[in-house]
Structure formats: C-alpha cells, structure tokens
C-alpha cells in the first residue's frame, strides 16, 4: 500500500468503529517522521483499545506491520507507528491538552469526506 492508501484505510477503519473528530494531516513536506498523521478521539479507554486493535488487524490483513505502539496500557493516548503513517487515538481531554493539530498547524489537513462519506 502507498502511504496515502494506508492513511485513507486507517481513517475508514476509525470511522467504521465510531471514532470521533478524525483528522488526516499530511506532514511529509515539513517533517521526516512520517508522511501522514491520523488523529482521532475516543469516548473511553475501552474504545481506544478497540479502535487501535481494529486498525492493527486491518493493516496486518493488508500486509502492513506496526513498527511501534505506545500508551496502550495507559489508555489516554495511544500512538500506532506504521512508518509512513502515525495514528494518534486520544481521550478528549488528552487531545485538547496535547493539541497536535496546533503543533502541526503548518501541515496540510486532508478532507476525508470523500472516502468516509457523512458518517
């Protein structure tokens, strides 16, 4: 899968599992960390784990291995690193506190409505 295909598939998975306020941010022009960030809010630590488990499963089913997972046991913010795509799943309070969208404001936010519809 290309980085864009991976990012779009991850967004679809998060939307299907009722992740909230999903953002797809293209960071490759301003960072060497990855090509994309996917940021999402969950309603509970249980939902965070469910979202992350499903993303990992779908990516593995598509031949993509996770390189690193952080925060899974703590639960307020989980990071999934697939190399070219980094996924951040937050509780609402943690997302507001860390403000990744503000930190990466110079990056390009991708309109996801074309591939997830009106969910």
PDB file of N, CA and C in Angstrom:
ATOM      1  N   UNK A   1       0.837  -1.186   0.000  1.00  0.00           N
ATOM      2  CA  UNK A   1       0.000   0.000   0.000  1.00  0.00           C
ATOM      3  C   UNK A   1       0.882   1.249   0.000  1.00  0.00           C
ATOM      4  N   UNK A   2       0.418   2.261  -0.690  1.00  0.00           N
ATOM      5  CA  UNK A   2       1.120   3.544  -0.632  1.00  0.00           C
ATOM      6  C   UNK A   2       0.799   4.214   0.707  1.00  0.00           C
ATOM      7  N   UNK A   3       1.600   5.198   1.114  1.00  0.00           N
ATOM      8  CA  UNK A   3       1.268   5.917   2.350  1.00  0.00           C
ATOM      9  C   UNK A   3      -0.143   6.512   2.324  1.00  0.00           C
ATOM     10  N   UNK A   4      -0.543   7.066   1.200  1.00  0.00           N
ATOM     11  CA  UNK A   4      -1.881   7.649   1.102  1.00  0.00           C
ATOM     12  C   UNK A   4      -2.958   6.578   1.259  1.00  0.00           C
ATOM     13  N   UNK A   5      -2.779   5.433   0.607  1.00  0.00           N
ATOM     14  CA  UNK A   5      -3.750   4.340   0.735  1.00  0.00           C
ATOM     15  C   UNK A   5      -3.842   3.851   2.181  1.00  0.00           C
ATOM     16  N   UNK A   6      -2.685   3.739   2.832  1.00  0.00           N
ATOM     17  CA  UNK A   6      -2.675   3.326   4.236  1.00  0.00           C
ATOM     18  C   UNK A   6      -3.449   4.318   5.092  1.00  0.00           C
ATOM     19  N   UNK A   7      -3.157   5.601   4.914  1.00  0.00           N
ATOM     20  CA  UNK A   7      -3.812   6.640   5.715  1.00  0.00           C
ATOM     21  C   UNK A   7      -5.319   6.627   5.496  1.00  0.00           C
ATOM     22  N   UNK A   8      -5.731   6.520   4.245  1.00  0.00           N
ATOM     23  CA  UNK A   8      -7.165   6.500   3.942  1.00  0.00           C
ATOM     24  C   UNK A   8      -7.841   5.267   4.534  1.00  0.00           C
ATOM     25  N   UNK A   9      -7.196   4.119   4.453  1.00  0.00           N
ATOM     26  CA  UNK A   9      -7.758   2.888   5.022  1.00  0.00           C
ATOM     27  C   UNK A   9      -7.891   3.015   6.538  1.00  0.00           C
ATOM     28  N   UNK A  10      -6.898   3.586   7.188  1.00  0.00           N
ATOM     29  CA  UNK A  10      -6.951   3.776   8.640  1.00  0.00           C
ATOM     30  C   UNK A  10      -8.099   4.703   9.012  1.00  0.00           C
ATOM     31  N   UNK A  11      -8.270   5.779   8.260  1.00  0.00           N
ATOM     32  CA  UNK A  11      -9.390   6.696   8.510  1.00  0.00           C
ATOM     33  C   UNK A  11     -10.718   5.951   8.375  1.00  0.00           C
ATOM     34  N   UNK A  12     -10.848   5.130   7.347  1.00  0.00           N
ATOM     35  CA  UNK A  12     -12.078   4.348   7.151  1.00  0.00           C
ATOM     36  C   UNK A  12     -12.345   3.424   8.336  1.00  0.00           C
ATOM     37  N   UNK A  13     -11.305   2.745   8.808  1.00  0.00           N
ATOM     38  CA  UNK A  13     -11.451   1.831   9.946  1.00  0.00           C
ATOM     39  C   UNK A  13     -11.909   2.601  11.183  1.00  0.00           C
ATOM     40  N   UNK A  14     -11.272   3.729  11.456  1.00  0.00           N
ATOM     41  CA  UNK A  14     -11.644   4.532  12.625  1.00  0.00           C
ATOM     42  C   UNK A  14     -13.080   5.029  12.513  1.00  0.00           C
ATOM     43  N   UNK A  15     -13.475   5.450  11.327  1.00  0.00           N
ATOM     44  CA  UNK A  15     -14.850   5.928  11.119  1.00  0.00           C
ATOM     45  C   UNK A  15     -15.849   4.786  11.303  1.00  0.00           C
ATOM     46  N   UNK A  16     -15.512   3.601  10.784  1.00  0.00           N
ATOM     47  CA  UNK A  16     -16.401   2.442  10.928  1.00  0.00           C
ATOM     48  C   UNK A  16     -16.600   2.052  12.391  1.00  0.00           C
ATOM     49  N   UNK A  17     -15.574   2.265  13.210  1.00  0.00           N
ATOM     50  CA  UNK A  17     -15.640   1.913  14.637  1.00  0.00           C
ATOM     51  C   UNK A  17     -16.069   3.105  15.494  1.00  0.00           C
ATOM     52  N   UNK A  18     -16.635   4.124  14.866  1.00  0.00           N
ATOM     53  CA  UNK A  18     -17.220   5.288  15.532  1.00  0.00           C
ATOM     54  C   UNK A  18     -16.178   6.158  16.243  1.00  0.00           C
ATOM     55  N   UNK A  19     -14.965   6.218  15.690  1.00  0.00           N
ATOM     56  CA  UNK A  19     -14.008   7.206  16.174  1.00  0.00           C
ATOM     57  C   UNK A  19     -14.545   8.599  15.860  1.00  0.00           C
ATOM     58  N   UNK A  20     -14.264   9.557  16.723  1.00  0.00           N
ATOM     59  CA  UNK A  20     -14.810  10.904  16.556  1.00  0.00           C
ATOM     60  C   UNK A  20     -13.730  11.893  16.124  1.00  0.00           C
ATOM     61  N   UNK A  21     -14.174  12.945  15.457  1.00  0.00           N
ATOM     62  CA  UNK A  21     -13.320  14.075  15.085  1.00  0.00           C
ATOM     63  C   UNK A  21     -12.011  13.591  14.448  1.00  0.00           C
ATOM     64  N   UNK A  22     -12.144  12.768  13.421  1.00  0.00           N
ATOM     65  CA  UNK A  22     -10.980  12.188  12.744  1.00  0.00           C
ATOM     66  C   UNK A  22     -10.352  13.236  11.833  1.00  0.00           C
ATOM     67  N   UNK A  23      -9.042  13.376  11.947  1.00  0.00           N
ATOM     68  CA  UNK A  23      -8.287  14.303  11.102  1.00  0.00           C
ATOM     69  C   UNK A  23      -7.174  13.530  10.403  1.00  0.00           C
ATOM     70  N   UNK A  24      -6.968  13.842   9.140  1.00  0.00           N
ATOM     71  CA  UNK A  24      -5.862  13.291   8.361  1.00  0.00           C
ATOM     72  C   UNK A  24      -4.965  14.455   7.985  1.00  0.00           C
ATOM     73  N   UNK A  25      -3.732  14.411   8.457  1.00  0.00           N
ATOM     74  CA  UNK A  25      -2.808  15.519   8.259  1.00  0.00           C
ATOM     75  C   UNK A  25      -1.592  15.023   7.494  1.00  0.00           C
ATOM     76  N   UNK A  26      -1.311  15.666   6.376  1.00  0.00           N
ATOM     77  CA  UNK A  26      -0.151  15.320   5.541  1.00  0.00           C
ATOM     78  C   UNK A  26       1.037  16.128   6.044  1.00  0.00           C
ATOM     79  N   UNK A  27       2.044  15.444   6.579  1.00  0.00           N
ATOM     80  CA  UNK A  27       3.169  16.139   7.209  1.00  0.00           C
ATOM     81  C   UNK A  27       4.489  15.977   6.463  1.00  0.00           C
ATOM     82  N   UNK A  28       4.488  15.261   5.346  1.00  0.00           N
ATOM     83  CA  UNK A  28       5.760  14.933   4.690  1.00  0.00           C
ATOM     84  C   UNK A  28       6.546  16.152   4.213  1.00  0.00           C
ATOM     85  N   UNK A  29       5.882  17.260   3.948  1.00  0.00           N
ATOM     86  CA  UNK A  29       6.581  18.461   3.475  1.00  0.00           C
ATOM     87  C   UNK A  29       7.312  19.190   4.599  1.00  0.00           C
ATOM     88  N   UNK A  30       6.941  18.890   5.852  1.00  0.00           N
ATOM     89  CA  UNK A  30       7.547  19.627   6.966  1.00  0.00           C
ATOM     90  C   UNK A  30       8.218  18.728   8.004  1.00  0.00           C
ATOM     91  N   UNK A  31       8.223  17.417   7.781  1.00  0.00           N
ATOM     92  CA  UNK A  31       8.798  16.504   8.760  1.00  0.00           C
ATOM     93  C   UNK A  31       9.302  15.229   8.091  1.00  0.00           C
ATOM     94  N   UNK A  32      10.300  14.633   8.713  1.00  0.00           N
ATOM     95  CA  UNK A  32      10.788  13.333   8.244  1.00  0.00           C
ATOM     96  C   UNK A  32      10.220  12.186   9.093  1.00  0.00           C
ATOM     97  N   UNK A  33       9.376  12.517  10.069  1.00  0.00           N
ATOM     98  CA  UNK A  33       8.798  11.489  10.944  1.00  0.00           C
ATOM     99  C   UNK A  33       7.935  10.496  10.191  1.00  0.00           C
ATOM    100  N   UNK A  34       7.111  11.017   9.294  1.00  0.00           N
ATOM    101  CA  UNK A  34       6.131  10.193   8.581  1.00  0.00           C
ATOM    102  C   UNK A  34       5.585  11.014   7.427  1.00  0.00           C
ATOM    103  N   UNK A  35       4.725  10.397   6.637  1.00  0.00           N
ATOM    104  CA  UNK A  35       4.022  11.123   5.579  1.00  0.00           C
ATOM    105  C   UNK A  35       2.695  11.679   6.082  1.00  0.00           C
ATOM    106  N   UNK A  36       2.039  10.929   6.983  1.00  0.00           N
ATOM    107  CA  UNK A  36       0.712  11.312   7.470  1.00  0.00           C
ATOM    108  C   UNK A  36       0.588  11.068   8.966  1.00  0.00           C
ATOM    109  N   UNK A  37      -0.206  11.917   9.606  1.00  0.00           N
ATOM    110  CA  UNK A  37      -0.747  11.670  10.936  1.00  0.00           C
ATOM    111  C   UNK A  37      -2.239  11.440  10.761  1.00  0.00           C
ATOM    112  N   UNK A  38      -2.772  10.466  11.465  1.00  0.00           N
ATOM    113  CA  UNK A  38      -4.216  10.307  11.601  1.00  0.00           C
ATOM    114  C   UNK A  38      -4.511  10.523  13.079  1.00  0.00           C
ATOM    115  N   UNK A  39      -5.416  11.459  13.369  1.00  0.00           N
ATOM    116  CA  UNK A  39      -5.751  11.811  14.747  1.00  0.00           C
ATOM    117  C   UNK A  39      -7.237  11.552  14.962  1.00  0.00           C
ATOM    118  N   UNK A  40      -7.555  10.972  16.106  1.00  0.00           N
ATOM    119  CA  UNK A  40      -8.935  10.557  16.373  1.00  0.00           C
ATOM    120  C   UNK A  40      -9.213  10.658  17.873  1.00  0.00           C
ATOM    121  N   UNK A  41     -10.475  10.894  18.215  1.00  0.00           N
ATOM    122  CA  UNK A  41     -10.913  10.915  19.610  1.00  0.00           C
ATOM    123  C   UNK A  41     -11.815   9.713  19.877  1.00  0.00           C
ATOM    124  N   UNK A  42     -11.641   9.130  21.060  1.00  0.00           N
ATOM    125  CA  UNK A  42     -12.490   8.017  21.504  1.00  0.00           C
ATOM    126  C   UNK A  42     -13.228   8.428  22.769  1.00  0.00           C
ATOM    127  N   UNK A  43     -14.342   7.763  23.027  1.00  0.00           N
ATOM    128  CA  UNK A  43     -15.170   8.105  24.173  1.00  0.00           C
ATOM    129  C   UNK A  43     -14.776   7.429  25.475  1.00  0.00           C
ATOM    130  N   UNK A  44     -13.907   6.427  25.395  1.00  0.00           N
ATOM    131  CA  UNK A  44     -13.487   5.703  26.600  1.00  0.00           C
ATOM    132  C   UNK A  44     -12.169   4.997  26.313  1.00  0.00           C
ATOM    133  N   UNK A  45     -11.508   4.557  27.376  1.00  0.00           N
ATOM    134  CA  UNK A  45     -10.269   3.800  27.171  1.00  0.00           C
ATOM    135  C   UNK A  45     -10.557   2.465  26.485  1.00  0.00           C
ATOM    136  N   UNK A  46     -11.717   1.903  26.752  1.00  0.00           N
ATOM    137  CA  UNK A  46     -12.111   0.668  26.069  1.00  0.00           C
ATOM    138  C   UNK A  46     -12.236   0.911  24.571  1.00  0.00           C
ATOM    139  N   UNK A  47     -12.842   2.025  24.187  1.00  0.00           N
ATOM    140  CA  UNK A  47     -12.970   2.334  22.766  1.00  0.00           C
ATOM    141  C   UNK A  47     -11.609   2.608  22.137  1.00  0.00           C
ATOM    142  N   UNK A  48     -10.714   3.275  22.869  1.00  0.00           N
ATOM    143  CA  UNK A  48      -9.358   3.493  22.342  1.00  0.00           C
ATOM    144  C   UNK A  48      -8.740   2.149  21.970  1.00  0.00           C
ATOM    145  N   UNK A  49      -8.801   1.196  22.887  1.00  0.00           N
ATOM    146  CA  UNK A  49      -8.205  -0.116  22.625  1.00  0.00           C
ATOM    147  C   UNK A  49      -8.892  -0.812  21.457  1.00  0.00           C
ATOM    148  N   UNK A  50     -10.203  -0.709  21.387  1.00  0.00           N
ATOM    149  CA  UNK A  50     -10.951  -1.318  20.287  1.00  0.00           C
ATOM    150  C   UNK A  50     -10.559  -0.703  18.946  1.00  0.00           C
ATOM    151  N   UNK A  51     -10.474   0.623  18.897  1.00  0.00           N
ATOM    152  CA  UNK A  51     -10.064   1.305  17.665  1.00  0.00           C
ATOM    153  C   UNK A  51      -8.661   0.877  17.253  1.00  0.00           C
ATOM    154  N   UNK A  52      -7.743   0.882  18.204  1.00  0.00           N
ATOM    155  CA  UNK A  52      -6.353   0.534  17.893  1.00  0.00           C
ATOM    156  C   UNK A  52      -6.212  -0.925  17.473  1.00  0.00           C
ATOM    157  N   UNK A  53      -6.905  -1.815  18.168  1.00  0.00           N
ATOM    158  CA  UNK A  53      -6.859  -3.236  17.802  1.00  0.00           C
ATOM    159  C   UNK A  53      -7.359  -3.447  16.377  1.00  0.00           C
ATOM    160  N   UNK A  54      -8.444  -2.758  16.019  1.00  0.00           N
ATOM    161  CA  UNK A  54      -9.010  -2.920  14.677  1.00  0.00           C
ATOM    162  C   UNK A  54      -8.079  -2.348  13.610  1.00  0.00           C
ATOM    163  N   UNK A  55      -7.479  -1.190  13.878  1.00  0.00           N
ATOM    164  CA  UNK A  55      -6.523  -0.615  12.924  1.00  0.00           C
ATOM    165  C   UNK A  55      -5.367  -1.586  12.706  1.00  0.00           C
ATOM    166  N   UNK A  56      -4.814  -2.113  13.788  1.00  0.00           N
ATOM    167  CA  UNK A  56      -3.701  -3.061  13.662  1.00  0.00           C
ATOM    168  C   UNK A  56      -4.108  -4.292  12.860  1.00  0.00           C
ATOM    169  N   UNK A  57      -5.290  -4.832  13.139  1.00  0.00           N
ATOM    170  CA  UNK A  57      -5.757  -6.028  12.438  1.00  0.00           C
ATOM    171  C   UNK A  57      -5.920  -5.766  10.949  1.00  0.00           C
ATOM    172  N   UNK A  58      -6.586  -4.681  10.599  1.00  0.00           N
ATOM    173  CA  UNK A  58      -6.824  -4.371   9.186  1.00  0.00           C
ATOM    174  C   UNK A  58      -5.508  -4.098   8.465  1.00  0.00           C
ATOM    175  N   UNK A  59      -4.605  -3.392   9.099  1.00  0.00           N
ATOM    176  CA  UNK A  59      -3.314  -3.122   8.457  1.00  0.00           C
ATOM    177  C   UNK A  59      -2.527  -4.418   8.265  1.00  0.00           C
ATOM    178  N   UNK A  60      -2.543  -5.281   9.271  1.00  0.00           N
ATOM    179  CA  UNK A  60      -1.855  -6.568   9.141  1.00  0.00           C
ATOM    180  C   UNK A  60      -2.481  -7.406   8.032  1.00  0.00           C
ATOM    181  N   UNK A  61      -3.817  -7.400   7.948  1.00  0.00           N
ATOM    182  CA  UNK A  61      -4.510  -8.122   6.877  1.00  0.00           C
ATOM    183  C   UNK A  61      -4.128  -7.592   5.496  1.00  0.00           C
ATOM    184  N   UNK A  62      -3.692  -6.332   5.439  1.00  0.00           N
ATOM    185  CA  UNK A  62      -3.262  -5.709   4.188  1.00  0.00           C
ATOM    186  C   UNK A  62      -1.747  -5.737   4.015  1.00  0.00           C
ATOM    187  N   UNK A  63      -1.062  -6.538   4.832  1.00  0.00           N
ATOM    188  CA  UNK A  63       0.374  -6.725   4.686  1.00  0.00           C
ATOM    189  C   UNK A  63       1.233  -5.649   5.316  1.00  0.00           C
ATOM    190  N   UNK A  64       0.653  -4.817   6.166  1.00  0.00           N
ATOM    191  CA  UNK A  64       1.399  -3.732   6.806  1.00  0.00           C
ATOM    192  C   UNK A  64       1.606  -4.061   8.282  1.00  0.00           C
ATOM    193  N   UNK A  65       2.842  -4.025   8.712  1.00  0.00           N
ATOM    194  CA  UNK A  65       3.176  -4.343  10.100  1.00  0.00           C
ATOM    195  C   UNK A  65       3.355  -3.060  10.909  1.00  0.00           C
ATOM    196  N   UNK A  66       2.904  -3.104  12.146  1.00  0.00           N
ATOM    197  CA  UNK A  66       3.121  -1.980  13.046  1.00  0.00           C
ATOM    198  C   UNK A  66       4.580  -1.996  13.496  1.00  0.00           C
ATOM    199  N   UNK A  67       5.194  -0.824  13.523  1.00  0.00           N
ATOM    200  CA  UNK A  67       6.582  -0.716  13.960  1.00  0.00           C
ATOM    201  C   UNK A  67       6.680  -0.466  15.459  1.00  0.00           C
ATOM    202  N   UNK A  68       5.695   0.272  15.975  1.00  0.00           N
ATOM    203  CA  UNK A  68       5.740   0.630  17.396  1.00  0.00           C
ATOM    204  C   UNK A  68       4.343   1.000  17.880  1.00  0.00           C
ATOM    205  N   UNK A  69       4.057   0.629  19.103  1.00  0.00           N
ATOM    206  CA  UNK A  69       2.801   1.011  19.760  1.00  0.00           C
ATOM    207  C   UNK A  69       3.167   1.587  21.116  1.00  0.00           C
ATOM    208  N   UNK A  70       2.575   2.725  21.450  1.00  0.00           N
ATOM    209  CA  UNK A  70       2.868   3.369  22.725  1.00  0.00           C
ATOM    210  C   UNK A  70       1.578   3.814  23.405  1.00  0.00           C
ATOM    211  N   UNK A  71       1.508   3.654  24.722  1.00  0.00           N
ATOM    212  CA  UNK A  71       0.391   4.158  25.504  1.00  0.00           C
ATOM    213  C   UNK A  71      -0.799   3.229  25.614  1.00  0.00           C
ATOM    214  N   UNK A  72      -0.701   2.037  25.069  1.00  0.00           N
ATOM    215  CA  UNK A  72      -1.846   1.122  25.032  1.00  0.00           C
ATOM    216  C   UNK A  72      -2.343   0.776  26.437  1.00  0.00           C
ATOM    217  N   UNK A  73      -1.443   0.554  27.351  1.00  0.00           N
ATOM    218  CA  UNK A  73      -1.853   0.187  28.715  1.00  0.00           C
ATOM    219  C   UNK A  73      -2.343   1.387  29.507  1.00  0.00           C
ATOM    220  N   UNK A  74      -1.759   2.556  29.258  1.00  0.00           N
ATOM    221  CA  UNK A  74      -2.162   3.770  29.986  1.00  0.00           C
ATOM    222  C   UNK A  74      -3.545   4.230  29.543  1.00  0.00           C
ATOM    223  N   UNK A  75      -3.795   4.191  28.246  1.00  0.00           N
ATOM    224  CA  UNK A  75      -5.139   4.385  27.738  1.00  0.00           C
ATOM    225  C   UNK A  75      -5.581   5.771  27.351  1.00  0.00           C
ATOM    226  N   UNK A  76      -4.971   6.852  27.800  1.00  0.00           N
ATOM    227  CA  UNK A  76      -5.447   8.194  27.460  1.00  0.00           C
ATOM    228  C   UNK A  76      -5.031   8.669  26.089  1.00  0.00           C
ATOM    229  N   UNK A  77      -3.933   8.113  25.578  1.00  0.00           N
ATOM    230  CA  UNK A  77      -3.421   8.459  24.256  1.00  0.00           C
ATOM    231  C   UNK A  77      -2.619   7.264  23.765  1.00  0.00           C
ATOM    232  N   UNK A  78      -3.031   6.698  22.670  1.00  0.00           N
ATOM    233  CA  UNK A  78      -2.288   5.583  22.083  1.00  0.00           C
ATOM    234  C   UNK A  78      -1.741   6.027  20.737  1.00  0.00           C
ATOM    235  N   UNK A  79      -0.474   5.726  20.515  1.00  0.00           N
ATOM    236  CA  UNK A  79       0.203   6.022  19.258  1.00  0.00           C
ATOM    237  C   UNK A  79       0.513   4.697  18.568  1.00  0.00           C
ATOM    238  N   UNK A  80       0.137   4.602  17.301  1.00  0.00           N
ATOM    239  CA  UNK A  80       0.466   3.446  16.467  1.00  0.00           C
ATOM    240  C   UNK A  80       1.346   3.936  15.332  1.00  0.00           C
ATOM    241  N   UNK A  81       2.552   3.398  15.237  1.00  0.00           N
ATOM    242  CA  UNK A  81       3.504   3.843  14.222  1.00  0.00           C
ATOM    243  C   UNK A  81       3.623   2.774  13.139  1.00  0.00           C
ATOM    244  N   UNK A  82       3.163   3.117  11.945  1.00  0.00           N
ATOM    245  CA  UNK A  82       3.281   2.230  10.791  1.00  0.00           C
ATOM    246  C   UNK A  82       4.364   2.719   9.832  1.00  0.00           C
ATOM    247  N   UNK A  83       5.273   3.559  10.316  1.00  0.00           N
ATOM    248  CA  UNK A  83       6.345   4.083   9.485  1.00  0.00           C
ATOM    249  C   UNK A  83       5.923   5.341   8.767  1.00  0.00           C
ATOM    250  N   UNK A  84       5.251   5.190   7.654  1.00  0.00           N
ATOM    251  CA  UNK A  84       4.834   6.359   6.876  1.00  0.00           C
ATOM    252  C   UNK A  84       3.532   6.968   7.384  1.00  0.00           C
ATOM    253  N   UNK A  85       2.814   6.257   8.250  1.00  0.00           N
ATOM    254  CA  UNK A  85       1.577   6.770   8.846  1.00  0.00           C
ATOM    255  C   UNK A  85       1.646   6.540  10.355  1.00  0.00           C
ATOM    256  N   UNK A  86       1.414   7.610  11.108  1.00  0.00           N
ATOM    257  CA  UNK A  86       1.362   7.520  12.567  1.00  0.00           C
ATOM    258  C   UNK A  86      -0.055   7.853  13.003  1.00  0.00           C
ATOM    259  N   UNK A  87      -0.628   6.966  13.801  1.00  0.00           N
ATOM    260  CA  UNK A  87      -2.007   7.106  14.260  1.00  0.00           C
ATOM    261  C   UNK A  87      -1.992   7.518  15.731  1.00  0.00           C
ATOM    262  N   UNK A  88      -2.774   8.543  16.054  1.00  0.00           N
ATOM    263  CA  UNK A  88      -2.929   9.016  17.427  1.00  0.00           C
ATOM    264  C   UNK A  88      -4.398   8.879  17.798  1.00  0.00           C
ATOM    265  N   UNK A  89      -4.696   8.081  18.820  1.00  0.00           N
ATOM    266  CA  UNK A  89      -6.070   7.943  19.299  1.00  0.00           C
ATOM    267  C   UNK A  89      -6.092   8.446  20.743  1.00  0.00           C
ATOM    268  N   UNK A  90      -6.903   9.470  20.973  1.00  0.00           N
ATOM    269  CA  UNK A  90      -6.931  10.182  22.243  1.00  0.00           C
ATOM    270  C   UNK A  90      -8.275  10.081  22.939  1.00  0.00           C
ATOM    271  N   UNK A  91      -8.246  10.207  24.259  1.00  0.00           N
ATOM    272  CA  UNK A  91      -9.419  10.628  25.008  1.00  0.00           C
ATOM    273  C   UNK A  91      -9.537  12.131  24.754  1.00  0.00           C
ATOM    274  N   UNK A  92     -10.740  12.672  24.871  1.00  0.00           N
ATOM    275  CA  UNK A  92     -10.976  14.076  24.539  1.00  0.00           C
ATOM    276  C   UNK A  92     -10.078  15.026  25.332  1.00  0.00           C
ATOM    277  N   UNK A  93      -9.935  14.790  26.631  1.00  0.00           N
ATOM    278  CA  UNK A  93      -9.127  15.677  27.472  1.00  0.00           C
ATOM    279  C   UNK A  93      -7.663  15.667  27.042  1.00  0.00           C
ATOM    280  N   UNK A  94      -7.130  14.499  26.748  1.00  0.00           N
ATOM    281  CA  UNK A  94      -5.732  14.385  26.325  1.00  0.00           C
ATOM    282  C   UNK A  94      -5.520  15.062  24.979  1.00  0.00           C
ATOM    283  N   UNK A  95      -6.471  14.911  24.084  1.00  0.00           N
ATOM    284  CA  UNK A  95      -6.341  15.550  22.770  1.00  0.00           C
ATOM    285  C   UNK A  95      -6.303  17.065  22.907  1.00  0.00           C
ATOM    286  N   UNK A  96      -7.173  17.608  23.736  1.00  0.00           N
ATOM    287  CA  UNK A  96      -7.184  19.055  23.954  1.00  0.00           C
ATOM    288  C   UNK A  96      -5.889  19.513  24.621  1.00  0.00           C
ATOM    289  N   UNK A  97      -5.393  18.738  25.577  1.00  0.00           N
ATOM    290  CA  UNK A  97      -4.180  19.112  26.304  1.00  0.00           C
ATOM    291  C   UNK A  97      -2.952  19.131  25.395  1.00  0.00           C
ATOM    292  N   UNK A  98      -2.761  18.081  24.607  1.00  0.00           N
ATOM    293  CA  UNK A  98      -1.562  17.977  23.776  1.00  0.00           C
ATOM    294  C   UNK A  98      -1.651  18.795  22.494  1.00  0.00           C
ATOM    295  N   UNK A  99      -2.829  19.011  21.971  1.00  0.00           N
ATOM    296  CA  UNK A  99      -3.036  19.902  20.837  1.00  0.00           C
ATOM    297  C   UNK A  99      -2.174  19.621  19.615  1.00  0.00           C
ATOM    298  N   UNK A 100      -2.148  18.379  19.167  1.00  0.00           N
ATOM    299  CA  UNK A 100      -1.315  18.047  17.999  1.00  0.00           C
ATOM    300  C   UNK A 100      -1.680  18.863  16.770  1.00  0.00           C
ATOM    301  N   UNK A 101      -2.962  19.140  16.584  1.00  0.00           N
ATOM    302  CA  UNK A 101      -3.362  19.942  15.419  1.00  0.00           C
ATOM    303  C   UNK A 101      -2.729  21.325  15.471  1.00  0.00           C
ATOM    304  N   UNK A 102      -2.626  21.896  16.670  1.00  0.00           N
ATOM    305  CA  UNK A 102      -1.965  23.206  16.805  1.00  0.00           C
ATOM    306  C   UNK A 102      -0.467  23.085  16.543  1.00  0.00           C
ATOM    307  N   UNK A 103       0.150  22.035  17.072  1.00  0.00           N
ATOM    308  CA  UNK A 103       1.590  21.850  16.884  1.00  0.00           C
ATOM    309  C   UNK A 103       1.959  21.645  15.415  1.00  0.00           C
ATOM    310  N   UNK A 104       1.076  21.022  14.662  1.00  0.00           N
ATOM    311  CA  UNK A 104       1.323  20.716  13.261  1.00  0.00           C
ATOM    312  C   UNK A 104       0.470  21.588  12.343  1.00  0.00           C
ATOM    313  N   UNK A 105       0.193  22.803  12.770  1.00  0.00           N
ATOM    314  CA  UNK A 105      -0.684  23.708  12.014  1.00  0.00           C
ATOM    315  C   UNK A 105      -0.133  24.052  10.631  1.00  0.00           C
ATOM    316  N   UNK A 106       1.175  23.942  10.434  1.00  0.00           N
ATOM    317  CA  UNK A 106       1.770  24.232   9.123  1.00  0.00           C
ATOM    318  C   UNK A 106       1.597  23.084   8.134  1.00  0.00           C
ATOM    319  N   UNK A 107       1.146  21.954   8.609  1.00  0.00           N
ATOM    320  CA  UNK A 107       0.913  20.800   7.736  1.00  0.00           C
ATOM    321  C   UNK A 107      -0.423  20.967   7.017  1.00  0.00           C
ATOM    322  N   UNK A 108      -0.664  20.091   6.051  1.00  0.00           N
ATOM    323  CA  UNK A 108      -1.878  20.158   5.236  1.00  0.00           C
ATOM    324  C   UNK A 108      -2.913  19.168   5.754  1.00  0.00           C
ATOM    325  N   UNK A 109      -4.094  19.681   6.125  1.00  0.00           N
ATOM    326  CA  UNK A 109      -5.180  18.785   6.523  1.00  0.00           C
ATOM    327  C   UNK A 109      -5.909  18.313   5.274  1.00  0.00           C
ATOM    328  N   UNK A 110      -6.097  17.006   5.166  1.00  0.00           N
ATOM    329  CA  UNK A 110      -6.759  16.391   4.018  1.00  0.00           C
ATOM    330  C   UNK A 110      -8.249  16.243   4.326  1.00  0.00           C
ATOM    331  N   UNK A 111      -9.082  16.612   3.369  1.00  0.00           N
ATOM    332  CA  UNK A 111     -10.532  16.439   3.510  1.00  0.00           C
ATOM    333  C   UNK A 111     -10.856  14.949   3.392  1.00  0.00           C
ATOM    334  N   UNK A 112     -11.386  14.381   4.453  1.00  0.00           N
ATOM    335  CA  UNK A 112     -11.662  12.940   4.466  1.00  0.00           C
ATOM    336  C   UNK A 112     -13.083  12.597   4.038  1.00  0.00           C
ATOM    337  N   UNK A 113     -13.917  13.588   3.811  1.00  0.00           N
ATOM    338  CA  UNK A 113     -15.325  13.310   3.497  1.00  0.00           C
ATOM    339  C   UNK A 113     -15.488  12.522   2.199  1.00  0.00           C
ATOM    340  N   UNK A 114     -14.533  12.636   1.285  1.00  0.00           N
ATOM    341  CA  UNK A 114     -14.662  11.932   0.009  1.00  0.00           C
ATOM    342  C   UNK A 114     -14.529  10.416   0.151  1.00  0.00           C
ATOM    343  N   UNK A 115     -13.864   9.947   1.184  1.00  0.00           N
ATOM    344  CA  UNK A 115     -13.735   8.498   1.324  1.00  0.00           C
ATOM    345  C   UNK A 115     -14.368   7.924   2.585  1.00  0.00           C
ATOM    346  N   UNK A 116     -14.978   8.748   3.438  1.00  0.00           N
ATOM    347  CA  UNK A 116     -15.764   8.175   4.540  1.00  0.00           C
ATOM    348  C   UNK A 116     -17.222   8.609   4.491  1.00  0.00           C
ATOM    349  N   UNK A 117     -17.549   9.532   3.612  1.00  0.00           N
ATOM    350  CA  UNK A 117     -18.932   9.970   3.484  1.00  0.00           C
ATOM    351  C   UNK A 117     -19.385  10.777   4.677  1.00  0.00           C
ATOM    352  N   UNK A 118     -20.671  10.747   4.932  1.00  0.00           N
ATOM    353  CA  UNK A 118     -21.281  11.531   6.012  1.00  0.00           C
ATOM    354  C   UNK A 118     -21.529  10.668   7.242  1.00  0.00           C
ATOM    355  N   UNK A 119     -20.509  10.128   7.821  1.00  0.00           N
ATOM    356  CA  UNK A 119     -20.664   9.256   8.997  1.00  0.00           C
ATOM    357  C   UNK A 119     -20.752  10.077  10.251  1.00  0.00           C
TER     358      UNK A 119
END
